[in-house]
Amino acid sequence: MVETIFSSIKRTLGSAVRARSWQLEFREMVLKCAVYNLRRTVRYP
């Protein structure tokens, strides 16, 4: 199930992480997950 979510996030938001440091990479991944969850909430109430 996790693989499906990762695949969906990569398809909709892109697979590249552009940050250089691990703290910023983590922040970018958390934000991508938050945006994905918001989009799902709006699309499927």
PDB file of N, CA and C in Angstrom:
ATOM      1  N   MET A   1       0.819  -1.181   0.000  1.00  0.00           N
ATOM      2  CA  MET A   1       0.000   0.000   0.000  1.00  0.00           C
ATOM      3  C   MET A   1       0.873   1.259   0.000  1.00  0.00           C
ATOM      4  N   VAL A   2       1.968   1.219   0.718  1.00  0.00           N
ATOM      5  CA  VAL A   2       2.867   2.366   0.768  1.00  0.00           C
ATOM      6  C   VAL A   2       3.462   2.633  -0.609  1.00  0.00           C
ATOM      7  N   GLU A   3       3.798   1.572  -1.329  1.00  0.00           N
ATOM      8  CA  GLU A   3       4.363   1.734  -2.667  1.00  0.00           C
ATOM      9  C   GLU A   3       3.389   2.459  -3.589  1.00  0.00           C
ATOM     10  N   THR A   4       2.108   2.202  -3.443  1.00  0.00           N
ATOM     11  CA  THR A   4       1.091   2.858  -4.256  1.00  0.00           C
ATOM     12  C   THR A   4       1.058   4.356  -3.967  1.00  0.00           C
ATOM     13  N   ILE A   5       1.148   4.717  -2.706  1.00  0.00           N
ATOM     14  CA  ILE A   5       1.129   6.132  -2.333  1.00  0.00           C
ATOM     15  C   ILE A   5       2.386   6.827  -2.842  1.00  0.00           C
ATOM     16  N   PHE A   6       3.550   6.202  -2.680  1.00  0.00           N
ATOM     17  CA  PHE A   6       4.787   6.795  -3.192  1.00  0.00           C
ATOM     18  C   PHE A   6       4.708   7.006  -4.696  1.00  0.00           C
ATOM     19  N   SER A   7       4.180   6.028  -5.402  1.00  0.00           N
ATOM     20  CA  SER A   7       4.043   6.135  -6.846  1.00  0.00           C
ATOM     21  C   SER A   7       3.113   7.273  -7.228  1.00  0.00           C
ATOM     22  N   SER A   8       2.025   7.403  -6.517  1.00  0.00           N
ATOM     23  CA  SER A   8       1.066   8.465  -6.801  1.00  0.00           C
ATOM     24  C   SER A   8       1.674   9.844  -6.542  1.00  0.00           C
ATOM     25  N   ILE A   9       2.412   9.975  -5.454  1.00  0.00           N
ATOM     26  CA  ILE A   9       3.070  11.261  -5.155  1.00  0.00           C
ATOM     27  C   ILE A   9       4.079  11.594  -6.245  1.00  0.00           C
ATOM     28  N   LYS A  10       4.849  10.617  -6.686  1.00  0.00           N
ATOM     29  CA  LYS A  10       5.833  10.851  -7.737  1.00  0.00           C
ATOM     30  C   LYS A  10       5.171  11.260  -9.047  1.00  0.00           C
ATOM     31  N   ARG A  11       4.043  10.609  -9.377  1.00  0.00           N
ATOM     32  CA  ARG A  11       3.351  10.953 -10.621  1.00  0.00           C
ATOM     33  C   ARG A  11       2.781  12.361 -10.594  1.00  0.00           C
ATOM     34  N   THR A  12       2.186  12.757  -9.460  1.00  0.00           N
ATOM     35  CA  THR A  12       1.500  14.046  -9.406  1.00  0.00           C
ATOM     36  C   THR A  12       2.421  15.214  -9.085  1.00  0.00           C
ATOM     37  N   LEU A  13       3.433  15.000  -8.250  1.00  0.00           N
ATOM     38  CA  LEU A  13       4.269  16.112  -7.788  1.00  0.00           C
ATOM     39  C   LEU A  13       5.715  16.038  -8.263  1.00  0.00           C
ATOM     40  N   GLY A  14       6.070  15.009  -8.989  1.00  0.00           N
ATOM     41  CA  GLY A  14       7.440  14.860  -9.471  1.00  0.00           C
ATOM     42  C   GLY A  14       8.278  14.023  -8.523  1.00  0.00           C
ATOM     43  N   SER A  15       9.294  13.391  -9.065  1.00  0.00           N
ATOM     44  CA  SER A  15      10.085  12.465  -8.261  1.00  0.00           C
ATOM     45  C   SER A  15      11.375  13.084  -7.742  1.00  0.00           C
ATOM     46  N   ALA A  16      11.760  14.252  -8.235  1.00  0.00           N
ATOM     47  CA  ALA A  16      13.030  14.851  -7.842  1.00  0.00           C
ATOM     48  C   ALA A  16      12.910  15.613  -6.530  1.00  0.00           C
ATOM     49  N   VAL A  17      13.942  15.481  -5.721  1.00  0.00           N
ATOM     50  CA  VAL A  17      14.080  16.292  -4.512  1.00  0.00           C
ATOM     51  C   VAL A  17      15.231  17.250  -4.788  1.00  0.00           C
ATOM     52  N   ARG A  18      14.962  18.533  -4.784  1.00  0.00           N
ATOM     53  CA  ARG A  18      15.940  19.513  -5.218  1.00  0.00           C
ATOM     54  C   ARG A  18      16.829  20.052  -4.103  1.00  0.00           C
ATOM     55  N   ALA A  19      16.493  19.787  -2.863  1.00  0.00           N
ATOM     56  CA  ALA A  19      17.263  20.307  -1.733  1.00  0.00           C
ATOM     57  C   ALA A  19      18.620  19.612  -1.639  1.00  0.00           C
ATOM     58  N   ARG A  20      19.581  20.297  -1.041  1.00  0.00           N
ATOM     59  CA  ARG A  20      20.941  19.750  -0.922  1.00  0.00           C
ATOM     60  C   ARG A  20      21.198  19.126   0.449  1.00  0.00           C
ATOM     61  N   SER A  21      20.790  19.768   1.506  1.00  0.00           N
ATOM     62  CA  SER A  21      21.055  19.226   2.841  1.00  0.00           C
ATOM     63  C   SER A  21      19.927  18.281   3.247  1.00  0.00           C
ATOM     64  N   TRP A  22      20.219  17.367   4.171  1.00  0.00           N
ATOM     65  CA  TRP A  22      19.216  16.371   4.541  1.00  0.00           C
ATOM     66  C   TRP A  22      18.051  17.004   5.272  1.00  0.00           C
ATOM     67  N   GLN A  23      18.283  18.114   6.003  1.00  0.00           N
ATOM     68  CA  GLN A  23      17.175  18.778   6.691  1.00  0.00           C
ATOM     69  C   GLN A  23      16.185  19.359   5.675  1.00  0.00           C
ATOM     70  N   LEU A  24      16.718  19.979   4.647  1.00  0.00           N
ATOM     71  CA  LEU A  24      15.845  20.558   3.626  1.00  0.00           C
ATOM     72  C   LEU A  24      15.189  19.481   2.767  1.00  0.00           C
ATOM     73  N   GLU A  25      15.909  18.375   2.528  1.00  0.00           N
ATOM     74  CA  GLU A  25      15.299  17.253   1.811  1.00  0.00           C
ATOM     75  C   GLU A  25      14.110  16.714   2.585  1.00  0.00           C
ATOM     76  N   PHE A  26      14.289  16.546   3.894  1.00  0.00           N
ATOM     77  CA  PHE A  26      13.205  16.050   4.738  1.00  0.00           C
ATOM     78  C   PHE A  26      12.027  17.011   4.701  1.00  0.00           C
ATOM     79  N   ARG A  27      12.295  18.312   4.817  1.00  0.00           N
ATOM     80  CA  ARG A  27      11.233  19.312   4.784  1.00  0.00           C
ATOM     81  C   ARG A  27      10.486  19.266   3.443  1.00  0.00           C
ATOM     82  N   GLU A  28      11.224  19.119   2.358  1.00  0.00           N
ATOM     83  CA  GLU A  28      10.599  19.054   1.040  1.00  0.00           C
ATOM     84  C   GLU A  28       9.702  17.823   0.914  1.00  0.00           C
ATOM     85  N   MET A  29      10.158  16.685   1.418  1.00  0.00           N
ATOM     86  CA  MET A  29       9.349  15.468   1.347  1.00  0.00           C
ATOM     87  C   MET A  29       8.094  15.589   2.209  1.00  0.00           C
ATOM     88  N   VAL A  30       8.225  16.202   3.393  1.00  0.00           N
ATOM     89  CA  VAL A  30       7.060  16.398   4.264  1.00  0.00           C
ATOM     90  C   VAL A  30       6.049  17.317   3.583  1.00  0.00           C
ATOM     91  N   LEU A  31       6.528  18.378   2.958  1.00  0.00           N
ATOM     92  CA  LEU A  31       5.624  19.298   2.262  1.00  0.00           C
ATOM     93  C   LEU A  31       4.935  18.627   1.076  1.00  0.00           C
ATOM     94  N   LYS A  32       5.678  17.780   0.342  1.00  0.00           N
ATOM     95  CA  LYS A  32       5.048  17.052  -0.766  1.00  0.00           C
ATOM     96  C   LYS A  32       3.936  16.145  -0.260  1.00  0.00           C
ATOM     97  N   CYS A  33       4.185  15.474   0.851  1.00  0.00           N
ATOM     98  CA  CYS A  33       3.148  14.604   1.430  1.00  0.00           C
ATOM     99  C   CYS A  33       1.953  15.419   1.903  1.00  0.00           C
ATOM    100  N   ALA A  34       2.199  16.588   2.479  1.00  0.00           N
ATOM    101  CA  ALA A  34       1.101  17.443   2.942  1.00  0.00           C
ATOM    102  C   ALA A  34       0.271  17.929   1.759  1.00  0.00           C
ATOM    103  N   VAL A  35       0.920  18.339   0.691  1.00  0.00           N
ATOM    104  CA  VAL A  35       0.200  18.788  -0.505  1.00  0.00           C
ATOM    105  C   VAL A  35      -0.606  17.641  -1.098  1.00  0.00           C
ATOM    106  N   TYR A  36      -0.023  16.452  -1.141  1.00  0.00           N
ATOM    107  CA  TYR A  36      -0.733  15.278  -1.656  1.00  0.00           C
ATOM    108  C   TYR A  36      -1.992  15.012  -0.827  1.00  0.00           C
ATOM    109  N   ASN A  37      -1.867  15.068   0.509  1.00  0.00           N
ATOM    110  CA  ASN A  37      -3.019  14.832   1.376  1.00  0.00           C
ATOM    111  C   ASN A  37      -4.080  15.904   1.211  1.00  0.00           C
ATOM    112  N   LEU A  38      -3.669  17.159   1.070  1.00  0.00           N
ATOM    113  CA  LEU A  38      -4.636  18.240   0.843  1.00  0.00           C
ATOM    114  C   LEU A  38      -5.376  18.055  -0.478  1.00  0.00           C
ATOM    115  N   ARG A  39      -4.645  17.685  -1.523  1.00  0.00           N
ATOM    116  CA  ARG A  39      -5.285  17.461  -2.827  1.00  0.00           C
ATOM    117  C   ARG A  39      -6.298  16.330  -2.751  1.00  0.00           C
ATOM    118  N   ARG A  40      -5.974  15.260  -2.038  1.00  0.00           N
ATOM    119  CA  ARG A  40      -6.911  14.149  -1.889  1.00  0.00           C
ATOM    120  C   ARG A  40      -8.135  14.560  -1.082  1.00  0.00           C
ATOM    121  N   THR A  41      -7.917  15.384  -0.061  1.00  0.00           N
ATOM    122  CA  THR A  41      -9.033  15.848   0.764  1.00  0.00           C
ATOM    123  C   THR A  41      -9.984  16.705  -0.041  1.00  0.00           C
ATOM    124  N   VAL A  42      -9.451  17.567  -0.886  1.00  0.00           N
ATOM    125  CA  VAL A  42     -10.287  18.448  -1.698  1.00  0.00           C
ATOM    126  C   VAL A  42     -10.996  17.657  -2.794  1.00  0.00           C
ATOM    127  N   ARG A  43     -10.283  16.727  -3.390  1.00  0.00           N
ATOM    128  CA  ARG A  43     -10.847  15.958  -4.502  1.00  0.00           C
ATOM    129  C   ARG A  43     -11.874  14.937  -4.043  1.00  0.00           C
ATOM    130  N   TYR A  44     -11.617  14.285  -2.910  1.00  0.00           N
ATOM    131  CA  TYR A  44     -12.501  13.240  -2.403  1.00  0.00           C
ATOM    132  C   TYR A  44     -12.952  13.581  -0.982  1.00  0.00           C
ATOM    133  N   PRO A  45     -13.930  14.473  -0.844  1.00  0.00           N
ATOM    134  CA  PRO A  45     -14.340  14.895   0.514  1.00  0.00           C
ATOM    135  C   PRO A  45     -15.025  13.817   1.323  1.00  0.00           C
TER     136      PRO A  45
END
